[in-house]
C-alpha atoms as a PDB file:
ATOM      1  CA  UNK A   1      50.738  16.703 -12.241  1.00  0.00           C
ATOM      2  CA  UNK A   2      48.827  19.412 -14.102  1.00  0.00           C
ATOM      3  CA  UNK A   3      48.967  19.187 -17.963  1.00  0.00           C
ATOM      4  CA  UNK A   4      50.099  22.059 -20.072  1.00  0.00           C
ATOM      5  CA  UNK A   5      46.653  22.358 -21.449  1.00  0.00           C
ATOM      6  CA  UNK A   6      45.115  22.841 -18.072  1.00  0.00           C
ATOM      7  CA  UNK A   7      47.206  25.847 -17.283  1.00  0.00           C
ATOM      8  CA  UNK A   8      46.612  27.354 -20.693  1.00  0.00           C
ATOM      9  CA  UNK A   9      42.838  26.845 -20.271  1.00  0.00           C
ATOM     10  CA  UNK A  10      43.045  28.714 -17.026  1.00  0.00           C
ATOM     11  CA  UNK A  11      44.826  31.632 -18.443  1.00  0.00           C
ATOM     12  CA  UNK A  12      42.329  31.843 -21.275  1.00  0.00           C
ATOM     13  CA  UNK A  13      39.512  31.764 -18.835  1.00  0.00           C
ATOM     14  CA  UNK A  14      41.000  34.643 -16.582  1.00  0.00           C
ATOM     15  CA  UNK A  15      41.861  36.532 -19.672  1.00  0.00           C
ATOM     16  CA  UNK A  16      38.053  36.559 -20.718  1.00  0.00           C
ATOM     17  CA  UNK A  17      37.392  38.812 -17.636  1.00  0.00           C
ATOM     18  CA  UNK A  18      39.550  41.672 -19.066  1.00  0.00           C
ATOM     19  CA  UNK A  19      38.712  44.053 -21.915  1.00  0.00           C
ATOM     20  CA  UNK A  20      41.339  46.484 -23.687  1.00  0.00           C
ATOM     21  CA  UNK A  21      39.433  49.671 -24.693  1.00  0.00           C
ATOM     22  CA  UNK A  22      41.548  52.308 -26.257  1.00  0.00           C
ATOM     23  CA  UNK A  23      44.682  52.468 -23.967  1.00  0.00           C
ATOM     24  CA  UNK A  24      42.845  51.310 -20.942  1.00  0.00           C
ATOM     25  CA  UNK A  25      42.428  47.844 -19.454  1.00  0.00           C
ATOM     26  CA  UNK A  26      39.100  46.956 -17.757  1.00  0.00           C
ATOM     27  CA  UNK A  27      37.935  44.220 -15.656  1.00  0.00           C
ATOM     28  CA  UNK A  28      34.453  42.609 -16.201  1.00  0.00           C
ATOM     29  CA  UNK A  29      32.745  41.721 -13.083  1.00  0.00           C
ATOM     30  CA  UNK A  30      30.144  39.044 -12.683  1.00  0.00           C
ATOM     31  CA  UNK A  31      27.413  41.791 -13.067  1.00  0.00           C
ATOM     32  CA  UNK A  32      29.023  42.415 -16.521  1.00  0.00           C
ATOM     33  CA  UNK A  33      30.284  45.997 -15.177  1.00  0.00           C
ATOM     34  CA  UNK A  34      33.535  47.235 -16.476  1.00  0.00           C
ATOM     35  CA  UNK A  35      36.027  48.525 -13.787  1.00  0.00           C
ATOM     36  CA  UNK A  36      39.187  50.468 -14.824  1.00  0.00           C
ATOM     37  CA  UNK A  37      42.266  48.523 -14.003  1.00  0.00           C
ATOM     38  CA  UNK A  38      44.990  50.473 -12.150  1.00  0.00           C
ATOM     39  CA  UNK A  39      48.825  50.184 -11.990  1.00  0.00           C
ATOM     40  CA  UNK A  40      50.778  50.057  -8.790  1.00  0.00           C
ATOM     41  CA  UNK A  41      51.441  53.922  -8.840  1.00  0.00           C
ATOM     42  CA  UNK A  42      47.878  54.773  -9.567  1.00  0.00           C
ATOM     43  CA  UNK A  43      46.512  52.273  -7.008  1.00  0.00           C
ATOM     44  CA  UNK A  44      48.726  53.514  -4.246  1.00  0.00           C
ATOM     45  CA  UNK A  45      47.603  57.103  -4.715  1.00  0.00           C
ATOM     46  CA  UNK A  46      43.913  55.917  -4.749  1.00  0.00           C
ATOM     47  CA  UNK A  47      44.419  53.974  -1.522  1.00  0.00           C
ATOM     48  CA  UNK A  48      45.944  56.971   0.236  1.00  0.00           C
ATOM     49  CA  UNK A  49      43.030  59.244  -1.105  1.00  0.00           C
ATOM     50  CA  UNK A  50      40.257  56.833  -0.066  1.00  0.00           C
ATOM     51  CA  UNK A  51      41.734  55.836   3.354  1.00  0.00           C
ATOM     52  CA  UNK A  52      42.871  59.239   4.464  1.00  0.00           C
ATOM     53  CA  UNK A  53      41.538  62.130   2.371  1.00  0.00           C
ATOM     54  CA  UNK A  54      37.937  61.491   1.134  1.00  0.00           C
ATOM     55  CA  UNK A  55      36.607  59.366   3.851  1.00  0.00           C
ATOM     56  CA  UNK A  56      37.751  61.422   6.818  1.00  0.00           C
ATOM     57  CA  UNK A  57      37.500  58.242   9.063  1.00  0.00           C
ATOM     58  CA  UNK A  58      39.818  55.387   8.605  1.00  0.00           C
ATOM     59  CA  UNK A  59      37.982  52.622   6.809  1.00  0.00           C
ATOM     60  CA  UNK A  60      38.278  48.826   7.076  1.00  0.00           C
ATOM     61  CA  UNK A  61      40.117  47.001   4.449  1.00  0.00           C
ATOM     62  CA  UNK A  62      36.708  45.324   3.102  1.00  0.00           C
ATOM     63  CA  UNK A  63      35.093  48.638   3.273  1.00  0.00           C
ATOM     64  CA  UNK A  64      37.716  50.490   1.124  1.00  0.00           C
ATOM     65  CA  UNK A  65      37.625  47.708  -1.393  1.00  0.00           C
ATOM     66  CA  UNK A  66      33.943  48.099  -1.555  1.00  0.00           C
ATOM     67  CA  UNK A  67      34.260  51.786  -1.844  1.00  0.00           C
ATOM     68  CA  UNK A  68      37.055  51.548  -4.560  1.00  0.00           C
ATOM     69  CA  UNK A  69      35.136  49.082  -6.677  1.00  0.00           C
ATOM     70  CA  UNK A  70      31.946  51.013  -6.462  1.00  0.00           C
ATOM     71  CA  UNK A  71      33.850  54.049  -7.891  1.00  0.00           C
ATOM     72  CA  UNK A  72      34.788  52.019 -11.055  1.00  0.00           C
ATOM     73  CA  UNK A  73      38.472  50.708 -10.204  1.00  0.00           C
ATOM     74  CA  UNK A  74      40.054  47.269  -9.951  1.00  0.00           C
ATOM     75  CA  UNK A  75      43.493  45.836  -9.543  1.00  0.00           C
ATOM     76  CA  UNK A  76      44.045  42.184  -8.725  1.00  0.00           C
ATOM     77  CA  UNK A  77      45.690  42.602  -5.417  1.00  0.00           C
ATOM     78  CA  UNK A  78      43.352  45.038  -4.042  1.00  0.00           C
ATOM     79  CA  UNK A  79      42.765  43.282  -0.603  1.00  0.00           C
ATOM     80  CA  UNK A  80      46.119  42.317  -0.015  1.00  0.00           C
ATOM     81  CA  UNK A  81      47.338  45.975  -0.655  1.00  0.00           C
ATOM     82  CA  UNK A  82      44.839  47.373   1.769  1.00  0.00           C
ATOM     83  CA  UNK A  83      46.215  45.122   4.453  1.00  0.00           C
ATOM     84  CA  UNK A  84      49.701  45.876   3.735  1.00  0.00           C
ATOM     85  CA  UNK A  85      48.755  49.836   3.615  1.00  0.00           C
ATOM     86  CA  UNK A  86      47.167  49.438   7.279  1.00  0.00           C
ATOM     87  CA  UNK A  87      50.408  47.646   8.724  1.00  0.00           C
ATOM     88  CA  UNK A  88      52.529  49.988   6.769  1.00  0.00           C
END
């Protein structure tokens, strides 16, 4: 059975990947780049924009994730949300 200390350490380790700058939260990549974190409404709008408006052609989930991260945005459930969007 996991100890309480282990779960606290795991949360602290994950929290180190995030930075709060002003009113915006950012995710720090392994390359030390900061990606702006988006909430559910913003991420859904961006999914629609990238998938249907900007790209012209329908992109795969992995390609959309790459495009959005390259544009400087992040949210924890990116890939799962892409697959739901396709099936939706």
